[in-house]
Every structure is written in C-alpha cells, then in structure tokens.
Amino acid sequence: MRDRRVVLGAALALIGLPVVLVPIEAASFYTANRDNGSFVSSGEKREYLLYVPRSYDRRRPTPLVISMHGAGLWGAAQKEISQWNDLADKQRFIVVYPSGVGGKGVRIWRAQPGAGLTKDVRFISELIDTLKASYNIDSTRIYANGLSNGGGMSFVLSCTLSDRIAAVGMVGAAQTLPWSWCTDHRAVPMIAFHGTADRHVPYAGRSSWISSRPFPNVPRWTADWARRNRCSANPVESAVAADVTRREYTNCADGADVVLYTIQGGGHTWPGGGPLPEWFVGTTTHTIDATSLMWAFFRDHQLLRH
C-alpha cells in the first residue's frame, strides 16, 4: 500500500478486501503505520513516530513540532494528513507524531478531567525530555498542534505545559473541556482552522454524534483565548481566499497573537492536507495550506522566559 494512502480511508478499505487478501494487506498496513520510538510513561507503553530531516545539524539548536492525531487515528495517519515532514525538510525542524492510547491501531487522547489526562500530559512532557536527550532541541521553540481530539489536547498542553510549549495550533479542534478548566493564565500564542460545514465538531457549537456534550462556538472560544492573552478586544478581519477568512487578535501580552481561519463549507479536515474520505469528513479546501501557515505562525513566536 502506497505511503500516502495510509490514512483513515486506507483503514476503511481493508473492510472491503477479499478474505484471502486481508492478512497480506493488513501486514503492509501495519508496517507502514508502525511507530519508531517508545518508552514507558506512568506505567503505560507510549509510542511515537519521529522524523528528523536530513538537514538536521547537531551543532544548531533545532525547533520541535509535536503533531497529535484525531480520535480513532494514530501517529502515522497524522503524518499523512498534515504532511509536516515535507516542510520539516525545507525549514529544518524535527517533527514527532505521538500516539494516544488504545492498543494497536486507532488511538485517542484523554482530553477530559481525570487520571488519564494527567498521564497524557506527563507523556508529552517526557517525550520532550526524551528527544532533548538525543537531539539539540531549542527549548524556546517547541510547538504543539493537532487535529480534532489532538486539537483539544493542544489546548490542554497550553494550560499545563505553558512553560515548555511556545505556541499551539488546532485544526477542527474538539474541545471537550470547559474554558474554566484552564487555570493557567499565561499568554500562549494560538492559531486555529475550522470549517463551517464540520459535522463532527460544529463551528457554531453544539453536540454531535461523537459527543453528547456540546462543543463550544468556535469564534467565541477564540475570543476567550484572546482574553486569556490580554489582546485588544476588536480583531482584524480579512479575506485570504474565496472560501477563507482570517480573524486576528493583536496587541496581546508578550506578543501572543491569536488567529482563527474560517473555511466556508469546509469539513472536519486539514486544509491543504492529505486526503480523507469526503463522505465521512466533508470537503477539504486547498486554497490554503494549514501546515505552512501554522509553521509561519510558530516561527514568529518563541517561548519567553519570565
């Protein structure tokens, strides 16, 4: 199975294979999707997929991008959807795709109050430590981002590891925690992307088939983040493509800008990213590239030591 087909659609395709072919295709699928690193954290085996570009120079402090998959996916699927590796080659940063819990195959992030959440946060913190022990990671340029459930986890990290994470990015973020849960008021730069036709995490905010608890209204959630960062109350609106508008909150504390890209008619997808089954997630726009825009935003924000 070709590398770029290793996404949710590939997993679904296995269901329709003749019985005799399933073991062969399943073996190829596992080989293409296996992680290349692991360690024990909080008594659990945790895995990740690491990509170090050929341009890596041990003598130079290097940025680290942590990209987290959505619920029901896994690290290698997030690699294919976001396509961070291509940009890492050009821009000289390391990218890692950690996997949530759930055994072989599909995983989730436990982005809700409880011991599971604490364990997931500890895993990411220990993952940073593990990579810093082997690579020259720039401690002021560590960034977290994610899709759906992984976007919700990015919010969690902004509230629990704000002394380590310089900025966060979110695509179709599934926010399952109330805003009041975040008691860390440190200004953390944030960039988000969300489609107005997202059936899984509705843009206007409400429950969906994936959660009986209502998701927050995305523009209102973004405004809450801007208040957290003590930005100016009135955002700057601009059209960046026929189907995309940009809302930016500026004059924030510590230069911690807050940006929201709204994709008209966009589904639960990664703008400009790898293919996903449209019948399930909706339309993917290619008028913008979320990964490139996210990196440009990250590059402009480094962690400030107080």
C-alpha atoms as a PDB file:
ATOM      1  CA  MET A   1       0.000   0.000   0.000  1.00  0.00           C
ATOM      2  CA  ARG A   2       1.465   3.339  -1.020  1.00  0.00           C
ATOM      3  CA  ASP A   3       2.655   5.557   1.820  1.00  0.00           C
ATOM      4  CA  ARG A   4       0.351   8.478   1.018  1.00  0.00           C
ATOM      5  CA  ARG A   5      -2.750   6.274   1.165  1.00  0.00           C
ATOM      6  CA  VAL A   6      -2.125   5.379   4.790  1.00  0.00           C
ATOM      7  CA  VAL A   7      -4.929   7.396   6.346  1.00  0.00           C
ATOM      8  CA  LEU A   8      -8.366   6.628   7.676  1.00  0.00           C
ATOM      9  CA  GLY A   9      -9.588   5.763   4.173  1.00  0.00           C
ATOM     10  CA  ALA A  10      -6.959   3.039   3.920  1.00  0.00           C
ATOM     11  CA  ALA A  11      -8.126   1.515   7.179  1.00  0.00           C
ATOM     12  CA  LEU A  12     -11.712   1.536   5.959  1.00  0.00           C
ATOM     13  CA  ALA A  13     -10.652  -0.015   2.652  1.00  0.00           C
ATOM     14  CA  LEU A  14      -9.416  -3.092   4.486  1.00  0.00           C
ATOM     15  CA  ILE A  15     -13.008  -3.901   5.387  1.00  0.00           C
ATOM     16  CA  GLY A  16     -13.919  -4.455   1.741  1.00  0.00           C
ATOM     17  CA  LEU A  17     -10.955  -6.680   0.802  1.00  0.00           C
ATOM     18  CA  PRO A  18     -11.434 -10.340  -0.106  1.00  0.00           C
ATOM     19  CA  VAL A  19     -10.780 -12.504   2.937  1.00  0.00           C
ATOM     20  CA  VAL A  20      -7.686 -14.092   1.396  1.00  0.00           C
ATOM     21  CA  LEU A  21      -6.051 -10.685   0.888  1.00  0.00           C
ATOM     22  CA  VAL A  22      -6.797  -9.229   4.294  1.00  0.00           C
ATOM     23  CA  PRO A  23      -3.753 -10.749   6.094  1.00  0.00           C
ATOM     24  CA  ILE A  24      -1.398  -9.518   3.339  1.00  0.00           C
ATOM     25  CA  GLU A  25      -2.827  -6.013   3.200  1.00  0.00           C
ATOM     26  CA  ALA A  26      -3.095  -5.847   6.982  1.00  0.00           C
ATOM     27  CA  ALA A  27       0.607  -6.697   7.276  1.00  0.00           C
ATOM     28  CA  SER A  28       1.521  -3.962   4.791  1.00  0.00           C
ATOM     29  CA  PHE A  29      -0.743  -1.539   6.623  1.00  0.00           C
ATOM     30  CA  TYR A  30       0.904  -2.310   9.959  1.00  0.00           C
ATOM     31  CA  THR A  31       4.415  -1.942   8.504  1.00  0.00           C
ATOM     32  CA  ALA A  32       3.600   1.466   7.014  1.00  0.00           C
ATOM     33  CA  ASN A  33       1.886   2.670  10.178  1.00  0.00           C
ATOM     34  CA  ARG A  34       4.132   1.458  12.961  1.00  0.00           C
ATOM     35  CA  ASP A  35       5.821   3.911  15.296  1.00  0.00           C
ATOM     36  CA  ASN A  36       9.612   4.092  15.534  1.00  0.00           C
ATOM     37  CA  GLY A  37      10.003   5.052  19.193  1.00  0.00           C
ATOM     38  CA  SER A  38       8.517   4.129  22.548  1.00  0.00           C
ATOM     39  CA  PHE A  39       9.051   4.294  26.301  1.00  0.00           C
ATOM     40  CA  VAL A  40       7.091   3.588  29.466  1.00  0.00           C
ATOM     41  CA  SER A  41       5.277   6.571  30.962  1.00  0.00           C
ATOM     42  CA  SER A  42       3.020   6.326  34.038  1.00  0.00           C
ATOM     43  CA  GLY A  43       3.223   2.553  33.763  1.00  0.00           C
ATOM     44  CA  GLU A  44       1.965   2.549  30.155  1.00  0.00           C
ATOM     45  CA  LYS A  45       3.900   1.838  26.978  1.00  0.00           C
ATOM     46  CA  ARG A  46       3.682   5.010  24.889  1.00  0.00           C
ATOM     47  CA  GLU A  47       4.687   5.234  21.239  1.00  0.00           C
ATOM     48  CA  TYR A  48       5.597   7.923  18.755  1.00  0.00           C
ATOM     49  CA  LEU A  49       6.716   8.405  15.175  1.00  0.00           C
ATOM     50  CA  LEU A  50       9.779  10.639  14.861  1.00  0.00           C
ATOM     51  CA  TYR A  51      11.021  12.409  11.743  1.00  0.00           C
ATOM     52  CA  VAL A  52      14.462  14.009  11.695  1.00  0.00           C
ATOM     53  CA  PRO A  53      15.216  15.791   8.410  1.00  0.00           C
ATOM     54  CA  ARG A  54      18.471  15.189   6.561  1.00  0.00           C
ATOM     55  CA  SER A  55      19.242  18.867   7.128  1.00  0.00           C
ATOM     56  CA  TYR A  56      19.472  18.344  10.905  1.00  0.00           C
ATOM     57  CA  ASP A  57      22.717  19.729  12.299  1.00  0.00           C
ATOM     58  CA  ARG A  58      23.654  18.651  15.821  1.00  0.00           C
ATOM     59  CA  ARG A  59      25.544  21.907  16.277  1.00  0.00           C
ATOM     60  CA  ARG A  60      22.433  24.047  15.785  1.00  0.00           C
ATOM     61  CA  PRO A  61      19.515  24.260  18.254  1.00  0.00           C
ATOM     62  CA  THR A  62      16.552  22.877  16.310  1.00  0.00           C
ATOM     63  CA  PRO A  63      12.814  23.590  16.674  1.00  0.00           C
ATOM     64  CA  LEU A  64      10.497  20.707  17.581  1.00  0.00           C
ATOM     65  CA  VAL A  65       6.940  20.346  16.268  1.00  0.00           C
ATOM     66  CA  ILE A  66       4.619  17.930  18.110  1.00  0.00           C
ATOM     67  CA  SER A  67       1.626  16.963  15.940  1.00  0.00           C
ATOM     68  CA  MET A  68      -1.236  14.981  17.501  1.00  0.00           C
ATOM     69  CA  HIS A  69      -3.793  12.855  15.675  1.00  0.00           C
ATOM     70  CA  GLY A  70      -7.556  12.904  15.988  1.00  0.00           C
ATOM     71  CA  ALA A  71      -9.581  10.303  17.873  1.00  0.00           C
ATOM     72  CA  GLY A  72      -9.673   6.975  16.085  1.00  0.00           C
ATOM     73  CA  LEU A  73      -6.424   7.672  14.247  1.00  0.00           C
ATOM     74  CA  TRP A  74      -2.729   7.224  15.084  1.00  0.00           C
ATOM     75  CA  GLY A  75       0.649   8.896  14.648  1.00  0.00           C
ATOM     76  CA  ALA A  76       1.380   7.792  11.075  1.00  0.00           C
ATOM     77  CA  ALA A  77      -2.111   8.838   9.942  1.00  0.00           C
ATOM     78  CA  GLN A  78      -1.457  12.320  11.340  1.00  0.00           C
ATOM     79  CA  LYS A  79       1.808  12.396   9.402  1.00  0.00           C
ATOM     80  CA  GLU A  80      -0.041  11.714   6.146  1.00  0.00           C
ATOM     81  CA  ILE A  81      -2.879  14.137   6.862  1.00  0.00           C
ATOM     82  CA  SER A  82      -0.745  17.087   7.987  1.00  0.00           C
ATOM     83  CA  GLN A  83       2.296  16.459   5.761  1.00  0.00           C
ATOM     84  CA  TRP A  84       4.627  18.129   8.248  1.00  0.00           C
ATOM     85  CA  ASN A  85       7.596  16.069   7.025  1.00  0.00           C
ATOM     86  CA  ASP A  86       7.812  17.901   3.694  1.00  0.00           C
ATOM     87  CA  LEU A  87       8.031  21.230   5.471  1.00  0.00           C
ATOM     88  CA  ALA A  88      10.496  19.906   8.049  1.00  0.00           C
ATOM     89  CA  ASP A  89      12.908  19.092   5.235  1.00  0.00           C
ATOM     90  CA  LYS A  90      12.721  22.639   3.883  1.00  0.00           C
ATOM     91  CA  GLN A  91      12.624  24.560   7.163  1.00  0.00           C
ATOM     92  CA  ARG A  92      14.998  22.387   9.226  1.00  0.00           C
ATOM     93  CA  PHE A  93      12.940  21.328  12.205  1.00  0.00           C
ATOM     94  CA  ILE A  94      12.201  17.986  13.857  1.00  0.00           C
ATOM     95  CA  VAL A  95       8.628  16.710  13.948  1.00  0.00           C
ATOM     96  CA  VAL A  96       7.177  13.982  16.146  1.00  0.00           C
ATOM     97  CA  TYR A  97       3.763  12.333  15.946  1.00  0.00           C
ATOM     98  CA  PRO A  98       2.893  10.842  19.357  1.00  0.00           C
ATOM     99  CA  SER A  99       0.111   8.284  19.629  1.00  0.00           C
ATOM    100  CA  GLY A 100      -2.687   8.314  22.144  1.00  0.00           C
ATOM    101  CA  VAL A 101      -3.825   5.206  23.999  1.00  0.00           C
ATOM    102  CA  GLY A 102      -5.917   2.312  22.791  1.00  0.00           C
ATOM    103  CA  GLY A 103      -3.631  -0.529  21.845  1.00  0.00           C
ATOM    104  CA  LYS A 104      -2.740  -1.447  18.272  1.00  0.00           C
ATOM    105  CA  GLY A 105      -4.266   0.688  15.540  1.00  0.00           C
ATOM    106  CA  VAL A 106      -6.631   3.533  16.429  1.00  0.00           C
ATOM    107  CA  ARG A 107      -5.893   5.695  19.477  1.00  0.00           C
ATOM    108  CA  ILE A 108      -7.406   8.558  21.496  1.00  0.00           C
ATOM    109  CA  TRP A 109      -6.207  11.422  23.690  1.00  0.00           C
ATOM    110  CA  ARG A 110      -7.840  11.513  27.108  1.00  0.00           C
ATOM    111  CA  ALA A 111      -8.635  15.226  26.976  1.00  0.00           C
ATOM    112  CA  GLN A 112     -11.062  15.278  29.880  1.00  0.00           C
ATOM    113  CA  PRO A 113     -10.533  15.626  33.643  1.00  0.00           C
ATOM    114  CA  GLY A 114      -9.076  12.592  35.341  1.00  0.00           C
ATOM    115  CA  ALA A 115      -6.017  10.429  35.768  1.00  0.00           C
ATOM    116  CA  GLY A 116      -5.876   9.694  32.026  1.00  0.00           C
ATOM    117  CA  LEU A 117      -5.434  13.365  31.199  1.00  0.00           C
ATOM    118  CA  THR A 118      -2.629  13.694  33.732  1.00  0.00           C
ATOM    119  CA  LYS A 119      -0.903  10.671  32.198  1.00  0.00           C
ATOM    120  CA  ASP A 120      -1.186  12.051  28.666  1.00  0.00           C
ATOM    121  CA  VAL A 121       0.303  15.389  29.720  1.00  0.00           C
ATOM    122  CA  ARG A 122       3.138  13.614  31.511  1.00  0.00           C
ATOM    123  CA  PHE A 123       3.765  11.532  28.375  1.00  0.00           C
ATOM    124  CA  ILE A 124       4.185  14.622  26.209  1.00  0.00           C
ATOM    125  CA  SER A 125       6.479  16.241  28.781  1.00  0.00           C
ATOM    126  CA  GLU A 126       8.587  13.082  28.983  1.00  0.00           C
ATOM    127  CA  LEU A 127       8.591  12.822  25.189  1.00  0.00           C
ATOM    128  CA  ILE A 128      10.154  16.282  25.031  1.00  0.00           C
ATOM    129  CA  ASP A 129      12.764  15.190  27.593  1.00  0.00           C
ATOM    130  CA  THR A 130      13.472  12.010  25.621  1.00  0.00           C
ATOM    131  CA  LEU A 131      14.053  13.873  22.373  1.00  0.00           C
ATOM    132  CA  LYS A 132      16.153  16.556  24.060  1.00  0.00           C
ATOM    133  CA  ALA A 133      18.440  13.816  25.388  1.00  0.00           C
ATOM    134  CA  SER A 134      19.212  12.675  21.839  1.00  0.00           C
ATOM    135  CA  TYR A 135      18.889  15.848  19.760  1.00  0.00           C
ATOM    136  CA  ASN A 136      19.803  19.507  20.098  1.00  0.00           C
ATOM    137  CA  ILE A 137      16.251  20.772  20.629  1.00  0.00           C
ATOM    138  CA  ASP A 138      15.746  24.518  21.005  1.00  0.00           C
ATOM    139  CA  SER A 139      13.817  24.806  24.295  1.00  0.00           C
ATOM    140  CA  THR A 140      12.341  28.151  23.228  1.00  0.00           C
ATOM    141  CA  ARG A 141      10.868  26.736  20.005  1.00  0.00           C
ATOM    142  CA  ILE A 142       8.759  23.705  20.918  1.00  0.00           C
ATOM    143  CA  TYR A 143       5.308  23.765  19.325  1.00  0.00           C
ATOM    144  CA  ALA A 144       2.192  21.595  19.670  1.00  0.00           C
ATOM    145  CA  ASN A 145      -0.645  21.140  17.212  1.00  0.00           C
ATOM    146  CA  GLY A 146      -3.356  18.638  16.446  1.00  0.00           C
ATOM    147  CA  LEU A 147      -6.464  17.601  14.556  1.00  0.00           C
ATOM    148  CA  SER A 148      -9.841  17.200  16.282  1.00  0.00           C
ATOM    149  CA  ASN A 149      -9.148  15.318  19.546  1.00  0.00           C
ATOM    150  CA  GLY A 150      -5.472  16.232  19.034  1.00  0.00           C
ATOM    151  CA  GLY A 151      -6.509  19.885  18.782  1.00  0.00           C
ATOM    152  CA  GLY A 152      -8.268  19.541  22.115  1.00  0.00           C
ATOM    153  CA  MET A 153      -5.052  18.097  23.500  1.00  0.00           C
ATOM    154  CA  SER A 154      -3.183  21.152  22.198  1.00  0.00           C
ATOM    155  CA  PHE A 155      -5.446  23.306  24.374  1.00  0.00           C
ATOM    156  CA  VAL A 156      -4.666  21.038  27.331  1.00  0.00           C
ATOM    157  CA  LEU A 157      -0.918  21.459  26.784  1.00  0.00           C
ATOM    158  CA  SER A 158      -1.269  25.241  26.577  1.00  0.00           C
ATOM    159  CA  CYS A 159      -2.753  25.115  30.079  1.00  0.00           C
ATOM    160  CA  THR A 160      -0.437  22.514  31.617  1.00  0.00           C
ATOM    161  CA  LEU A 161       2.897  22.937  29.822  1.00  0.00           C
ATOM    162  CA  SER A 162       2.904  26.641  29.033  1.00  0.00           C
ATOM    163  CA  ASP A 163       6.431  26.803  30.427  1.00  0.00           C
ATOM    164  CA  ARG A 164       7.575  24.410  27.664  1.00  0.00           C
ATOM    165  CA  ILE A 165       5.247  24.980  24.683  1.00  0.00           C
ATOM    166  CA  ALA A 166       5.922  28.201  22.757  1.00  0.00           C
ATOM    167  CA  ALA A 167       2.711  28.194  20.675  1.00  0.00           C
ATOM    168  CA  VAL A 168      -0.107  25.866  19.677  1.00  0.00           C
ATOM    169  CA  GLY A 169      -2.117  25.141  16.542  1.00  0.00           C
ATOM    170  CA  MET A 170      -5.525  23.486  16.158  1.00  0.00           C
ATOM    171  CA  VAL A 171      -7.476  22.120  13.194  1.00  0.00           C
ATOM    172  CA  GLY A 172     -11.132  21.218  13.708  1.00  0.00           C
ATOM    173  CA  ALA A 173     -10.364  21.127  17.427  1.00  0.00           C
ATOM    174  CA  ALA A 174     -12.691  19.017  19.570  1.00  0.00           C
ATOM    175  CA  GLN A 175     -12.794  20.971  22.826  1.00  0.00           C
ATOM    176  CA  THR A 176     -14.232  18.657  25.468  1.00  0.00           C
ATOM    177  CA  LEU A 177     -13.127  20.697  28.459  1.00  0.00           C
ATOM    178  CA  PRO A 178     -14.866  23.873  29.661  1.00  0.00           C
ATOM    179  CA  TRP A 179     -12.840  27.038  29.345  1.00  0.00           C
ATOM    180  CA  SER A 180     -12.973  27.469  33.127  1.00  0.00           C
ATOM    181  CA  TRP A 181     -10.875  24.291  33.462  1.00  0.00           C
ATOM    182  CA  CYS A 182      -7.808  26.197  32.265  1.00  0.00           C
ATOM    183  CA  THR A 183      -6.443  27.976  35.324  1.00  0.00           C
ATOM    184  CA  ASP A 184      -3.111  28.866  33.682  1.00  0.00           C
ATOM    185  CA  HIS A 185      -3.415  32.458  32.519  1.00  0.00           C
ATOM    186  CA  ARG A 186      -0.029  32.669  30.844  1.00  0.00           C
ATOM    187  CA  ALA A 187      -0.361  34.105  27.332  1.00  0.00           C
ATOM    188  CA  VAL A 188       0.158  31.312  24.770  1.00  0.00           C
ATOM    189  CA  PRO A 189       0.062  32.137  21.028  1.00  0.00           C
ATOM    190  CA  MET A 190      -2.627  30.174  19.185  1.00  0.00           C
ATOM    191  CA  ILE A 191      -3.607  29.611  15.540  1.00  0.00           C
ATOM    192  CA  ALA A 192      -6.752  27.670  14.613  1.00  0.00           C
ATOM    193  CA  PHE A 193      -8.517  26.415  11.473  1.00  0.00           C
ATOM    194  CA  HIS A 194     -12.173  25.344  11.395  1.00  0.00           C
ATOM    195  CA  GLY A 195     -14.725  24.608   8.682  1.00  0.00           C
ATOM    196  CA  THR A 196     -18.273  25.945   8.822  1.00  0.00           C
ATOM    197  CA  ALA A 197     -19.617  22.621   7.495  1.00  0.00           C
ATOM    198  CA  ASP A 198     -17.841  20.488  10.081  1.00  0.00           C
ATOM    199  CA  ARG A 199     -20.446  17.871  11.065  1.00  0.00           C
ATOM    200  CA  HIS A 200     -18.269  16.276  13.742  1.00  0.00           C
ATOM    201  CA  VAL A 201     -17.246  19.407  15.689  1.00  0.00           C
ATOM    202  CA  PRO A 202     -19.815  22.034  14.634  1.00  0.00           C
ATOM    203  CA  TYR A 203     -18.424  25.513  14.017  1.00  0.00           C
ATOM    204  CA  ALA A 204     -21.394  27.211  15.695  1.00  0.00           C
ATOM    205  CA  GLY A 205     -21.130  24.917  18.711  1.00  0.00           C
ATOM    206  CA  ARG A 206     -23.423  22.054  19.704  1.00  0.00           C
ATOM    207  CA  SER A 207     -23.275  18.332  20.337  1.00  0.00           C
ATOM    208  CA  SER A 208     -22.719  15.840  17.540  1.00  0.00           C
ATOM    209  CA  TRP A 209     -22.637  12.081  17.091  1.00  0.00           C
ATOM    210  CA  ILE A 210     -19.137  11.950  18.591  1.00  0.00           C
ATOM    211  CA  SER A 211     -20.057  13.718  21.840  1.00  0.00           C
ATOM    212  CA  SER A 212     -23.312  14.312  23.696  1.00  0.00           C
ATOM    213  CA  ARG A 213     -21.638  17.227  25.468  1.00  0.00           C
ATOM    214  CA  PRO A 214     -21.971  20.384  23.337  1.00  0.00           C
ATOM    215  CA  PHE A 215     -18.810  21.700  21.715  1.00  0.00           C
ATOM    216  CA  PRO A 216     -18.164  25.432  22.139  1.00  0.00           C
ATOM    217  CA  ASN A 217     -18.871  28.034  19.493  1.00  0.00           C
ATOM    218  CA  VAL A 218     -15.547  28.391  17.647  1.00  0.00           C
ATOM    219  CA  PRO A 219     -15.433  32.222  17.267  1.00  0.00           C
ATOM    220  CA  ARG A 220     -16.468  32.620  20.911  1.00  0.00           C
ATOM    221  CA  TRP A 221     -13.817  30.100  22.021  1.00  0.00           C
ATOM    222  CA  THR A 222     -11.227  32.053  20.041  1.00  0.00           C
ATOM    223  CA  ALA A 223     -12.343  35.297  21.709  1.00  0.00           C
ATOM    224  CA  ASP A 224     -11.950  33.609  25.102  1.00  0.00           C
ATOM    225  CA  TRP A 225      -8.374  32.701  24.174  1.00  0.00           C
ATOM    226  CA  ALA A 226      -7.750  36.305  23.143  1.00  0.00           C
ATOM    227  CA  ARG A 227      -8.984  37.460  26.550  1.00  0.00           C
ATOM    228  CA  ARG A 228      -6.665  34.961  28.199  1.00  0.00           C
ATOM    229  CA  ASN A 229      -3.775  36.504  26.210  1.00  0.00           C
ATOM    230  CA  ARG A 230      -4.963  40.024  27.078  1.00  0.00           C
ATOM    231  CA  CYS A 231      -5.283  41.025  23.408  1.00  0.00           C
ATOM    232  CA  SER A 232      -7.127  44.031  22.025  1.00  0.00           C
ATOM    233  CA  ALA A 233     -10.879  43.403  22.069  1.00  0.00           C
ATOM    234  CA  ASN A 234     -11.503  44.100  18.383  1.00  0.00           C
ATOM    235  CA  PRO A 235      -9.989  41.544  15.979  1.00  0.00           C
ATOM    236  CA  VAL A 236      -8.817  42.348  12.459  1.00  0.00           C
ATOM    237  CA  GLU A 237     -10.829  40.538   9.763  1.00  0.00           C
ATOM    238  CA  SER A 238      -9.539  39.810   6.266  1.00  0.00           C
ATOM    239  CA  ALA A 239     -10.365  37.560   3.304  1.00  0.00           C
ATOM    240  CA  VAL A 240      -7.435  35.379   2.280  1.00  0.00           C
ATOM    241  CA  ALA A 241      -9.238  33.241  -0.320  1.00  0.00           C
ATOM    242  CA  ALA A 242     -12.687  32.917  -1.835  1.00  0.00           C
ATOM    243  CA  ASP A 243     -13.643  30.418   0.863  1.00  0.00           C
ATOM    244  CA  VAL A 244     -11.386  31.501   3.737  1.00  0.00           C
ATOM    245  CA  THR A 245     -11.469  34.427   6.164  1.00  0.00           C
ATOM    246  CA  ARG A 246      -8.866  35.288   8.778  1.00  0.00           C
ATOM    247  CA  ARG A 247      -9.562  36.803  12.196  1.00  0.00           C
ATOM    248  CA  GLU A 248      -6.546  38.056  14.148  1.00  0.00           C
ATOM    249  CA  TYR A 249      -6.347  39.401  17.686  1.00  0.00           C
ATOM    250  CA  THR A 250      -3.316  41.630  18.164  1.00  0.00           C
ATOM    251  CA  ASN A 251      -1.596  43.750  20.835  1.00  0.00           C
ATOM    252  CA  CYS A 252      -1.583  40.706  23.097  1.00  0.00           C
ATOM    253  CA  ALA A 253       0.538  40.178  26.205  1.00  0.00           C
ATOM    254  CA  ASP A 254       4.052  39.001  25.340  1.00  0.00           C
ATOM    255  CA  GLY A 255       3.178  39.231  21.631  1.00  0.00           C
ATOM    256  CA  ALA A 256       1.000  36.107  21.970  1.00  0.00           C
ATOM    257  CA  ASP A 257      -1.258  36.616  18.937  1.00  0.00           C
ATOM    258  CA  VAL A 258      -4.482  34.666  18.422  1.00  0.00           C
ATOM    259  CA  VAL A 259      -5.586  33.780  14.874  1.00  0.00           C
ATOM    260  CA  LEU A 260      -8.625  31.950  13.502  1.00  0.00           C
ATOM    261  CA  TYR A 261      -9.012  30.809   9.881  1.00  0.00           C
ATOM    262  CA  THR A 262     -12.636  30.078   8.997  1.00  0.00           C
ATOM    263  CA  ILE A 263     -13.208  27.845   5.962  1.00  0.00           C
ATOM    264  CA  GLN A 264     -16.634  28.362   4.383  1.00  0.00           C
ATOM    265  CA  GLY A 265     -18.073  24.955   3.568  1.00  0.00           C
ATOM    266  CA  GLY A 266     -15.031  23.218   4.989  1.00  0.00           C
ATOM    267  CA  GLY A 267     -15.424  19.854   6.685  1.00  0.00           C
ATOM    268  CA  HIS A 268     -13.643  18.094   9.531  1.00  0.00           C
ATOM    269  CA  THR A 269     -10.412  18.171   7.549  1.00  0.00           C
ATOM    270  CA  TRP A 270      -6.887  19.600   7.412  1.00  0.00           C
ATOM    271  CA  PRO A 271      -6.787  22.485   4.881  1.00  0.00           C
ATOM    272  CA  GLY A 272      -4.295  21.663   2.145  1.00  0.00           C
ATOM    273  CA  GLY A 273      -3.556  18.332   3.791  1.00  0.00           C
ATOM    274  CA  GLY A 274      -3.622  14.696   2.769  1.00  0.00           C
ATOM    275  CA  PRO A 275      -6.790  13.008   1.503  1.00  0.00           C
ATOM    276  CA  LEU A 276      -9.550  11.784   3.775  1.00  0.00           C
ATOM    277  CA  PRO A 277     -12.860  10.170   2.744  1.00  0.00           C
ATOM    278  CA  GLU A 278     -15.115  13.092   1.818  1.00  0.00           C
ATOM    279  CA  TRP A 279     -18.280  11.098   2.504  1.00  0.00           C
ATOM    280  CA  PHE A 280     -17.214  10.869   6.131  1.00  0.00           C
ATOM    281  CA  VAL A 281     -15.394  14.125   6.943  1.00  0.00           C
ATOM    282  CA  GLY A 282     -16.604  16.577   4.291  1.00  0.00           C
ATOM    283  CA  THR A 283     -14.723  18.879   1.940  1.00  0.00           C
ATOM    284  CA  THR A 284     -11.014  19.654   2.220  1.00  0.00           C
ATOM    285  CA  THR A 285     -10.047  23.087   0.926  1.00  0.00           C
ATOM    286  CA  HIS A 286      -6.778  23.517  -0.973  1.00  0.00           C
ATOM    287  CA  THR A 287      -6.935  27.301  -1.279  1.00  0.00           C
ATOM    288  CA  ILE A 288      -4.771  27.495   1.853  1.00  0.00           C
ATOM    289  CA  ASP A 289      -2.288  25.137   3.485  1.00  0.00           C
ATOM    290  CA  ALA A 290      -2.768  24.886   7.247  1.00  0.00           C
ATOM    291  CA  THR A 291       0.656  23.336   7.829  1.00  0.00           C
ATOM    292  CA  SER A 292       2.559  26.114   6.061  1.00  0.00           C
ATOM    293  CA  LEU A 293       0.511  28.840   7.733  1.00  0.00           C
ATOM    294  CA  MET A 294       0.916  27.179  11.106  1.00  0.00           C
ATOM    295  CA  TRP A 295       4.690  26.968  10.708  1.00  0.00           C
ATOM    296  CA  ALA A 296       4.912  30.647   9.686  1.00  0.00           C
ATOM    297  CA  PHE A 297       2.971  31.485  12.861  1.00  0.00           C
ATOM    298  CA  PHE A 298       5.149  29.233  15.028  1.00  0.00           C
ATOM    299  CA  ARG A 299       8.330  30.679  13.562  1.00  0.00           C
ATOM    300  CA  ASP A 300       7.281  34.134  14.729  1.00  0.00           C
ATOM    301  CA  HIS A 301       6.735  33.032  18.336  1.00  0.00           C
ATOM    302  CA  GLN A 302       9.373  31.815  20.737  1.00  0.00           C
ATOM    303  CA  LEU A 303       8.951  30.948  24.390  1.00  0.00           C
ATOM    304  CA  LEU A 304       9.624  33.891  26.661  1.00  0.00           C
ATOM    305  CA  ARG A 305      11.268  33.189  29.988  1.00  0.00           C
ATOM    306  CA  HIS A 306       9.735  35.151  32.882  1.00  0.00           C
END
